[in-house]
Amino acid sequence: MKINRPLSPHLTIYKPQLTSTFSIFHRISGAFLATMVFFSIFFLKIGDLNPTFYYFYRYVFLFTFYFHWFILSVVNFTLLALCYHMSNGIRHLLWDLGLFLELSKVYTSGIIMLFCAACLTVLNIIRFYLS
């Protein structure tokens, strides 16, 4: 007998909380940053395979020439993920020290963490475009 019900009913019953949302985005940003590190190393090392790989370099040049806005968007998004992950990591380290564990302080530290991540991102983008 097959019953039509969801496998994880807790996802549809409970509304998302600020703390659970921050936790999920912390994991997503960590996975995204690990993926970006892997692909960065991969694309740096692919040129070592054959230095006369003309078509690869030609397509990379054409892609960077015509889609520079896309590359800058990926860089800015990666910077946002890095600042968020770093700020939330500092928040987790403070929790490990036993600080800010009351519920009201957890929410306050979450808002402060978001503000710090946004400020760091904006300051780094300004520094990136001014240099």
C-alpha atoms as a PDB file:
ATOM      1  CA  MET A   1       0.000   0.000   0.000  1.00  0.00           C
ATOM      2  CA  LYS A   2       1.534   3.307  -1.134  1.00  0.00           C
ATOM      3  CA  ILE A   3       0.805   6.418   0.869  1.00  0.00           C
ATOM      4  CA  ASN A   4       1.118   9.785  -0.846  1.00  0.00           C
ATOM      5  CA  ARG A   5       2.888  11.898   1.720  1.00  0.00           C
ATOM      6  CA  PRO A   6       6.144  13.829   1.704  1.00  0.00           C
ATOM      7  CA  LEU A   7       9.345  12.158   2.845  1.00  0.00           C
ATOM      8  CA  SER A   8      10.400  15.128   4.970  1.00  0.00           C
ATOM      9  CA  PRO A   9       7.280  16.735   6.378  1.00  0.00           C
ATOM     10  CA  HIS A  10       9.287  18.905   8.766  1.00  0.00           C
ATOM     11  CA  LEU A  11      10.417  21.062   5.840  1.00  0.00           C
ATOM     12  CA  THR A  12       6.855  21.986   4.958  1.00  0.00           C
ATOM     13  CA  ILE A  13       5.506  22.327   8.499  1.00  0.00           C
ATOM     14  CA  TYR A  14       8.030  24.676  10.087  1.00  0.00           C
ATOM     15  CA  LYS A  15       8.665  28.160   8.781  1.00  0.00           C
ATOM     16  CA  PRO A  16      12.324  29.004   8.164  1.00  0.00           C
ATOM     17  CA  GLN A  17      14.051  30.693  11.081  1.00  0.00           C
ATOM     18  CA  LEU A  18      16.876  33.179  10.856  1.00  0.00           C
ATOM     19  CA  THR A  19      19.344  30.801  12.485  1.00  0.00           C
ATOM     20  CA  SER A  20      18.504  27.860  10.229  1.00  0.00           C
ATOM     21  CA  THR A  21      18.708  30.085   7.152  1.00  0.00           C
ATOM     22  CA  PHE A  22      22.148  31.342   8.189  1.00  0.00           C
ATOM     23  CA  SER A  23      23.286  27.765   8.803  1.00  0.00           C
ATOM     24  CA  ILE A  24      22.128  26.610   5.380  1.00  0.00           C
ATOM     25  CA  PHE A  25      23.766  29.567   3.626  1.00  0.00           C
ATOM     26  CA  HIS A  26      26.983  28.977   5.596  1.00  0.00           C
ATOM     27  CA  ARG A  27      27.143  25.442   4.196  1.00  0.00           C
ATOM     28  CA  ILE A  28      26.223  26.593   0.686  1.00  0.00           C
ATOM     29  CA  SER A  29      28.849  29.345   0.724  1.00  0.00           C
ATOM     30  CA  GLY A  30      31.481  26.875   1.951  1.00  0.00           C
ATOM     31  CA  ALA A  31      30.680  24.426  -0.840  1.00  0.00           C
ATOM     32  CA  PHE A  32      30.682  27.253  -3.393  1.00  0.00           C
ATOM     33  CA  LEU A  33      34.062  28.532  -2.196  1.00  0.00           C
ATOM     34  CA  ALA A  34      35.546  25.023  -2.308  1.00  0.00           C
ATOM     35  CA  THR A  35      34.254  24.637  -5.865  1.00  0.00           C
ATOM     36  CA  MET A  36      35.743  27.983  -6.857  1.00  0.00           C
ATOM     37  CA  VAL A  37      39.132  27.017  -5.404  1.00  0.00           C
ATOM     38  CA  PHE A  38      39.046  23.726  -7.313  1.00  0.00           C
ATOM     39  CA  PHE A  39      38.181  25.361 -10.639  1.00  0.00           C
ATOM     40  CA  SER A  40      40.724  28.138 -10.106  1.00  0.00           C
ATOM     41  CA  ILE A  41      43.503  25.612  -9.583  1.00  0.00           C
ATOM     42  CA  PHE A  42      42.217  23.528 -12.493  1.00  0.00           C
ATOM     43  CA  PHE A  43      42.254  26.451 -14.928  1.00  0.00           C
ATOM     44  CA  LEU A  44      45.671  27.557 -13.731  1.00  0.00           C
ATOM     45  CA  LYS A  45      47.087  24.072 -14.283  1.00  0.00           C
ATOM     46  CA  ILE A  46      45.378  23.313 -17.603  1.00  0.00           C
ATOM     47  CA  GLY A  47      47.805  25.616 -19.376  1.00  0.00           C
ATOM     48  CA  ASP A  48      50.682  23.395 -18.234  1.00  0.00           C
ATOM     49  CA  LEU A  49      49.350  20.476 -20.259  1.00  0.00           C
ATOM     50  CA  ASN A  50      50.324  21.902 -23.617  1.00  0.00           C
ATOM     51  CA  PRO A  51      51.758  25.418 -23.891  1.00  0.00           C
ATOM     52  CA  THR A  52      50.968  25.509 -27.616  1.00  0.00           C
ATOM     53  CA  PHE A  53      47.284  24.858 -27.065  1.00  0.00           C
ATOM     54  CA  TYR A  54      46.311  27.781 -29.278  1.00  0.00           C
ATOM     55  CA  TYR A  55      42.578  27.243 -29.416  1.00  0.00           C
ATOM     56  CA  PHE A  56      42.207  27.057 -25.653  1.00  0.00           C
ATOM     57  CA  TYR A  57      43.947  30.392 -25.164  1.00  0.00           C
ATOM     58  CA  ARG A  58      42.036  31.904 -28.063  1.00  0.00           C
ATOM     59  CA  TYR A  59      38.675  30.937 -26.593  1.00  0.00           C
ATOM     60  CA  VAL A  60      39.708  32.090 -23.130  1.00  0.00           C
ATOM     61  CA  PHE A  61      40.693  35.464 -24.584  1.00  0.00           C
ATOM     62  CA  LEU A  62      37.447  35.777 -26.543  1.00  0.00           C
ATOM     63  CA  PHE A  63      35.397  34.791 -23.506  1.00  0.00           C
ATOM     64  CA  THR A  64      37.146  37.299 -21.257  1.00  0.00           C
ATOM     65  CA  PHE A  65      36.891  40.010 -23.918  1.00  0.00           C
ATOM     66  CA  TYR A  66      33.185  39.648 -24.631  1.00  0.00           C
ATOM     67  CA  PHE A  67      31.956  38.433 -21.248  1.00  0.00           C
ATOM     68  CA  HIS A  68      34.047  40.502 -18.832  1.00  0.00           C
ATOM     69  CA  TRP A  69      30.831  41.531 -17.059  1.00  0.00           C
ATOM     70  CA  PHE A  70      30.140  37.860 -16.311  1.00  0.00           C
ATOM     71  CA  ILE A  71      33.609  37.316 -14.895  1.00  0.00           C
ATOM     72  CA  LEU A  72      33.309  40.426 -12.711  1.00  0.00           C
ATOM     73  CA  SER A  73      29.907  39.227 -11.492  1.00  0.00           C
ATOM     74  CA  VAL A  74      31.366  35.841 -10.536  1.00  0.00           C
ATOM     75  CA  VAL A  75      34.270  37.563  -8.756  1.00  0.00           C
ATOM     76  CA  ASN A  76      31.887  39.838  -6.834  1.00  0.00           C
ATOM     77  CA  PHE A  77      29.603  36.936  -5.917  1.00  0.00           C
ATOM     78  CA  THR A  78      32.603  34.904  -4.756  1.00  0.00           C
ATOM     79  CA  LEU A  79      33.726  37.870  -2.691  1.00  0.00           C
ATOM     80  CA  LEU A  80      30.274  38.091  -1.106  1.00  0.00           C
ATOM     81  CA  ALA A  81      30.337  34.363  -0.302  1.00  0.00           C
ATOM     82  CA  LEU A  82      33.833  34.678   1.169  1.00  0.00           C
ATOM     83  CA  CYS A  83      32.912  37.642   3.394  1.00  0.00           C
ATOM     84  CA  TYR A  84      29.705  35.932   4.538  1.00  0.00           C
ATOM     85  CA  HIS A  85      31.466  32.636   5.265  1.00  0.00           C
ATOM     86  CA  MET A  86      34.278  34.392   7.133  1.00  0.00           C
ATOM     87  CA  SER A  87      31.900  36.530   9.222  1.00  0.00           C
ATOM     88  CA  ASN A  88      29.706  33.562  10.065  1.00  0.00           C
ATOM     89  CA  GLY A  89      32.805  31.499  10.875  1.00  0.00           C
ATOM     90  CA  ILE A  90      33.911  34.134  13.388  1.00  0.00           C
ATOM     91  CA  ARG A  91      30.409  33.992  14.855  1.00  0.00           C
ATOM     92  CA  HIS A  92      30.722  30.208  15.212  1.00  0.00           C
ATOM     93  CA  LEU A  93      34.121  30.604  16.888  1.00  0.00           C
ATOM     94  CA  LEU A  94      32.544  32.972  19.406  1.00  0.00           C
ATOM     95  CA  TRP A  95      29.872  30.354  20.057  1.00  0.00           C
ATOM     96  CA  ASP A  96      32.609  27.774  20.661  1.00  0.00           C
ATOM     97  CA  LEU A  97      33.990  30.093  23.341  1.00  0.00           C
ATOM     98  CA  GLY A  98      30.568  30.122  24.988  1.00  0.00           C
ATOM     99  CA  LEU A  99      29.677  33.674  24.002  1.00  0.00           C
ATOM    100  CA  PHE A 100      26.355  34.938  22.584  1.00  0.00           C
ATOM    101  CA  LEU A 101      24.477  31.681  23.175  1.00  0.00           C
ATOM    102  CA  GLU A 102      21.253  33.228  24.486  1.00  0.00           C
ATOM    103  CA  LEU A 103      18.497  33.324  21.879  1.00  0.00           C
ATOM    104  CA  SER A 104      18.274  37.111  21.694  1.00  0.00           C
ATOM    105  CA  LYS A 105      22.060  37.394  21.318  1.00  0.00           C
ATOM    106  CA  VAL A 106      22.054  34.707  18.625  1.00  0.00           C
ATOM    107  CA  TYR A 107      19.673  36.794  16.517  1.00  0.00           C
ATOM    108  CA  THR A 108      21.566  40.011  17.259  1.00  0.00           C
ATOM    109  CA  SER A 109      24.897  38.439  16.325  1.00  0.00           C
ATOM    110  CA  GLY A 110      23.303  37.165  13.113  1.00  0.00           C
ATOM    111  CA  ILE A 111      22.207  40.650  12.096  1.00  0.00           C
ATOM    112  CA  ILE A 112      25.632  42.060  13.016  1.00  0.00           C
ATOM    113  CA  MET A 113      27.274  39.274  11.007  1.00  0.00           C
ATOM    114  CA  LEU A 114      25.183  40.132   7.942  1.00  0.00           C
ATOM    115  CA  PHE A 115      26.036  43.816   8.322  1.00  0.00           C
ATOM    116  CA  CYS A 116      29.759  43.024   8.623  1.00  0.00           C
ATOM    117  CA  ALA A 117      29.657  40.731   5.584  1.00  0.00           C
ATOM    118  CA  ALA A 118      27.869  43.389   3.513  1.00  0.00           C
ATOM    119  CA  CYS A 119      30.296  46.114   4.619  1.00  0.00           C
ATOM    120  CA  LEU A 120      33.347  43.954   3.896  1.00  0.00           C
ATOM    121  CA  THR A 121      31.985  43.078   0.470  1.00  0.00           C
ATOM    122  CA  VAL A 122      31.227  46.689  -0.453  1.00  0.00           C
ATOM    123  CA  LEU A 123      34.609  47.907   0.817  1.00  0.00           C
ATOM    124  CA  ASN A 124      36.462  45.206  -1.120  1.00  0.00           C
ATOM    125  CA  ILE A 125      34.520  45.935  -4.304  1.00  0.00           C
ATOM    126  CA  ILE A 126      35.307  49.649  -3.953  1.00  0.00           C
ATOM    127  CA  ARG A 127      38.971  48.815  -3.342  1.00  0.00           C
ATOM    128  CA  PHE A 128      38.953  46.476  -6.340  1.00  0.00           C
ATOM    129  CA  TYR A 129      37.560  49.110  -8.706  1.00  0.00           C
ATOM    130  CA  LEU A 130      39.750  51.945  -7.399  1.00  0.00           C
ATOM    131  CA  SER A 131      43.016  50.067  -7.809  1.00  0.00           C
END
